[in-house]
């Protein structure tokens, strides 16, 4: 019985991997075995980093909010507590955007949250 070398489907699968490996250096873009290793590793890292990106943005928003709140004489942890008590439905992303681009609007929100939470 002759040896089966693969043929159409194997060739198509190899081409798909090599296409994904474009831009990599040396044999990693030209040799199927090493290209496959790099492509699988790259896909694994991309999966991991998509989740890490969410964590990093959340911490960035917290830093921005903290900077704006400290300029008004408070701390982020206190402000976060006030947010919970006051019932304001703004998330960290929106608050950080206000703190970065429209500080006057952030001051209005800060005063509203402070008065609602301290007044209770």
C-alpha atoms as a PDB file:
ATOM      1  CA  UNK A   1       0.000   0.000   0.000  1.00  0.00           C
ATOM      2  CA  UNK A   2       1.476   3.377  -0.976  1.00  0.00           C
ATOM      3  CA  UNK A   3       2.168   6.009   1.644  1.00  0.00           C
ATOM      4  CA  UNK A   4      -0.512   8.702   1.946  1.00  0.00           C
ATOM      5  CA  UNK A   5       1.224  12.058   1.835  1.00  0.00           C
ATOM      6  CA  UNK A   6      -1.766  14.198   2.744  1.00  0.00           C
ATOM      7  CA  UNK A   7      -2.790  15.992  -0.372  1.00  0.00           C
ATOM      8  CA  UNK A   8      -5.350  18.745  -0.736  1.00  0.00           C
ATOM      9  CA  UNK A   9      -6.593  19.051   2.851  1.00  0.00           C
ATOM     10  CA  UNK A  10      -3.126  18.911   4.387  1.00  0.00           C
ATOM     11  CA  UNK A  11      -1.832  21.465   1.915  1.00  0.00           C
ATOM     12  CA  UNK A  12      -4.760  23.765   2.674  1.00  0.00           C
ATOM     13  CA  UNK A  13      -4.223  23.452   6.434  1.00  0.00           C
ATOM     14  CA  UNK A  14      -0.503  24.177   6.067  1.00  0.00           C
ATOM     15  CA  UNK A  15      -1.202  27.213   3.893  1.00  0.00           C
ATOM     16  CA  UNK A  16      -3.633  28.538   6.488  1.00  0.00           C
ATOM     17  CA  UNK A  17      -1.026  28.299   9.252  1.00  0.00           C
ATOM     18  CA  UNK A  18       1.696  29.848   7.088  1.00  0.00           C
ATOM     19  CA  UNK A  19      -0.658  32.689   6.166  1.00  0.00           C
ATOM     20  CA  UNK A  20      -1.225  33.388   9.864  1.00  0.00           C
ATOM     21  CA  UNK A  21       2.550  33.338  10.434  1.00  0.00           C
ATOM     22  CA  UNK A  22       3.272  36.118   7.945  1.00  0.00           C
ATOM     23  CA  UNK A  23       5.445  38.820   9.424  1.00  0.00           C
ATOM     24  CA  UNK A  24       7.320  36.486  11.732  1.00  0.00           C
ATOM     25  CA  UNK A  25      11.058  36.169  11.325  1.00  0.00           C
ATOM     26  CA  UNK A  26      13.048  33.472   9.551  1.00  0.00           C
ATOM     27  CA  UNK A  27      11.709  29.915   9.675  1.00  0.00           C
ATOM     28  CA  UNK A  28       8.802  30.937  11.842  1.00  0.00           C
ATOM     29  CA  UNK A  29       7.123  32.321   8.750  1.00  0.00           C
ATOM     30  CA  UNK A  30       8.357  29.722   6.239  1.00  0.00           C
ATOM     31  CA  UNK A  31       8.599  26.320   7.933  1.00  0.00           C
ATOM     32  CA  UNK A  32       5.325  24.669   8.813  1.00  0.00           C
ATOM     33  CA  UNK A  33       6.315  23.096  12.127  1.00  0.00           C
ATOM     34  CA  UNK A  34       7.905  26.166  13.661  1.00  0.00           C
ATOM     35  CA  UNK A  35       5.220  28.409  12.170  1.00  0.00           C
ATOM     36  CA  UNK A  36       2.530  26.247  13.757  1.00  0.00           C
ATOM     37  CA  UNK A  37       4.198  26.518  17.161  1.00  0.00           C
ATOM     38  CA  UNK A  38       4.411  30.284  16.889  1.00  0.00           C
ATOM     39  CA  UNK A  39       0.862  30.697  15.599  1.00  0.00           C
ATOM     40  CA  UNK A  40      -0.565  28.579  18.426  1.00  0.00           C
ATOM     41  CA  UNK A  41       1.494  30.493  20.963  1.00  0.00           C
ATOM     42  CA  UNK A  42       0.382  33.795  19.461  1.00  0.00           C
ATOM     43  CA  UNK A  43      -3.268  32.775  19.605  1.00  0.00           C
ATOM     44  CA  UNK A  44      -2.855  31.688  23.216  1.00  0.00           C
ATOM     45  CA  UNK A  45      -1.222  35.009  24.135  1.00  0.00           C
ATOM     46  CA  UNK A  46      -3.916  36.988  22.294  1.00  0.00           C
ATOM     47  CA  UNK A  47      -6.609  35.140  24.265  1.00  0.00           C
ATOM     48  CA  UNK A  48      -4.805  35.899  27.532  1.00  0.00           C
ATOM     49  CA  UNK A  49      -4.171  39.551  26.676  1.00  0.00           C
ATOM     50  CA  UNK A  50      -7.798  40.233  25.730  1.00  0.00           C
ATOM     51  CA  UNK A  51      -8.669  39.441  29.332  1.00  0.00           C
ATOM     52  CA  UNK A  52      -5.707  41.331  30.767  1.00  0.00           C
ATOM     53  CA  UNK A  53      -6.667  44.430  28.771  1.00  0.00           C
ATOM     54  CA  UNK A  54      -9.932  44.692  30.698  1.00  0.00           C
ATOM     55  CA  UNK A  55      -8.050  44.637  34.020  1.00  0.00           C
ATOM     56  CA  UNK A  56      -5.560  47.244  32.859  1.00  0.00           C
ATOM     57  CA  UNK A  57      -8.237  49.645  31.648  1.00  0.00           C
ATOM     58  CA  UNK A  58     -10.165  49.324  34.902  1.00  0.00           C
ATOM     59  CA  UNK A  59      -7.048  50.208  36.894  1.00  0.00           C
ATOM     60  CA  UNK A  60      -6.350  53.131  34.536  1.00  0.00           C
ATOM     61  CA  UNK A  61      -9.868  54.476  35.087  1.00  0.00           C
ATOM     62  CA  UNK A  62      -9.432  54.177  38.844  1.00  0.00           C
ATOM     63  CA  UNK A  63      -6.130  56.099  38.692  1.00  0.00           C
ATOM     64  CA  UNK A  64      -7.743  58.885  36.667  1.00  0.00           C
ATOM     65  CA  UNK A  65     -10.736  59.138  38.992  1.00  0.00           C
ATOM     66  CA  UNK A  66      -8.443  59.103  42.026  1.00  0.00           C
ATOM     67  CA  UNK A  67      -6.354  61.959  40.610  1.00  0.00           C
ATOM     68  CA  UNK A  68      -9.436  64.093  40.004  1.00  0.00           C
ATOM     69  CA  UNK A  69     -10.970  63.284  43.387  1.00  0.00           C
ATOM     70  CA  UNK A  70      -7.725  64.040  45.246  1.00  0.00           C
ATOM     71  CA  UNK A  71      -7.630  67.451  43.565  1.00  0.00           C
ATOM     72  CA  UNK A  72     -10.984  68.069  45.256  1.00  0.00           C
ATOM     73  CA  UNK A  73      -9.711  67.011  48.662  1.00  0.00           C
ATOM     74  CA  UNK A  74     -10.924  63.435  48.966  1.00  0.00           C
ATOM     75  CA  UNK A  75      -9.784  59.884  48.135  1.00  0.00           C
ATOM     76  CA  UNK A  76     -10.981  57.332  45.613  1.00  0.00           C
ATOM     77  CA  UNK A  77     -12.045  54.816  48.252  1.00  0.00           C
ATOM     78  CA  UNK A  78     -14.211  57.398  49.999  1.00  0.00           C
ATOM     79  CA  UNK A  79     -15.645  58.568  46.680  1.00  0.00           C
ATOM     80  CA  UNK A  80     -16.464  54.989  45.678  1.00  0.00           C
ATOM     81  CA  UNK A  81     -18.344  54.543  48.941  1.00  0.00           C
ATOM     82  CA  UNK A  82     -20.282  57.726  48.316  1.00  0.00           C
ATOM     83  CA  UNK A  83     -21.159  56.503  44.823  1.00  0.00           C
ATOM     84  CA  UNK A  84     -22.692  53.369  46.270  1.00  0.00           C
ATOM     85  CA  UNK A  85     -24.720  55.280  48.835  1.00  0.00           C
ATOM     86  CA  UNK A  86     -25.892  58.025  46.482  1.00  0.00           C
ATOM     87  CA  UNK A  87     -27.218  55.679  43.805  1.00  0.00           C
ATOM     88  CA  UNK A  88     -25.507  57.448  40.895  1.00  0.00           C
ATOM     89  CA  UNK A  89     -25.398  55.020  37.963  1.00  0.00           C
ATOM     90  CA  UNK A  90     -22.126  56.122  36.345  1.00  0.00           C
ATOM     91  CA  UNK A  91     -19.474  53.470  35.827  1.00  0.00           C
ATOM     92  CA  UNK A  92     -15.723  53.952  36.186  1.00  0.00           C
ATOM     93  CA  UNK A  93     -15.228  54.380  32.453  1.00  0.00           C
ATOM     94  CA  UNK A  94     -17.686  57.291  32.256  1.00  0.00           C
ATOM     95  CA  UNK A  95     -16.331  58.914  35.408  1.00  0.00           C
ATOM     96  CA  UNK A  96     -12.741  58.644  34.179  1.00  0.00           C
ATOM     97  CA  UNK A  97     -13.739  60.172  30.850  1.00  0.00           C
ATOM     98  CA  UNK A  98     -15.385  63.078  32.656  1.00  0.00           C
ATOM     99  CA  UNK A  99     -12.358  63.515  34.903  1.00  0.00           C
ATOM    100  CA  UNK A 100     -10.015  63.575  31.921  1.00  0.00           C
ATOM    101  CA  UNK A 101     -11.971  65.635  29.392  1.00  0.00           C
ATOM    102  CA  UNK A 102     -14.569  67.665  31.306  1.00  0.00           C
ATOM    103  CA  UNK A 103     -13.399  68.447  34.824  1.00  0.00           C
ATOM    104  CA  UNK A 104     -16.229  70.922  35.449  1.00  0.00           C
ATOM    105  CA  UNK A 105     -18.840  68.224  34.840  1.00  0.00           C
ATOM    106  CA  UNK A 106     -16.878  65.851  37.072  1.00  0.00           C
ATOM    107  CA  UNK A 107     -16.905  68.475  39.839  1.00  0.00           C
ATOM    108  CA  UNK A 108     -20.697  68.712  39.536  1.00  0.00           C
ATOM    109  CA  UNK A 109     -21.009  64.933  39.798  1.00  0.00           C
ATOM    110  CA  UNK A 110     -18.583  64.884  42.729  1.00  0.00           C
ATOM    111  CA  UNK A 111     -20.548  67.499  44.667  1.00  0.00           C
ATOM    112  CA  UNK A 112     -23.860  65.759  43.898  1.00  0.00           C
ATOM    113  CA  UNK A 113     -22.510  62.390  45.050  1.00  0.00           C
ATOM    114  CA  UNK A 114     -20.953  63.920  48.161  1.00  0.00           C
ATOM    115  CA  UNK A 115     -24.086  65.773  49.222  1.00  0.00           C
ATOM    116  CA  UNK A 116     -26.334  62.752  48.556  1.00  0.00           C
ATOM    117  CA  UNK A 117     -24.094  60.355  50.487  1.00  0.00           C
ATOM    118  CA  UNK A 118     -23.211  62.633  53.418  1.00  0.00           C
ATOM    119  CA  UNK A 119     -26.818  63.853  53.692  1.00  0.00           C
ATOM    120  CA  UNK A 120     -28.151  60.307  54.179  1.00  0.00           C
END
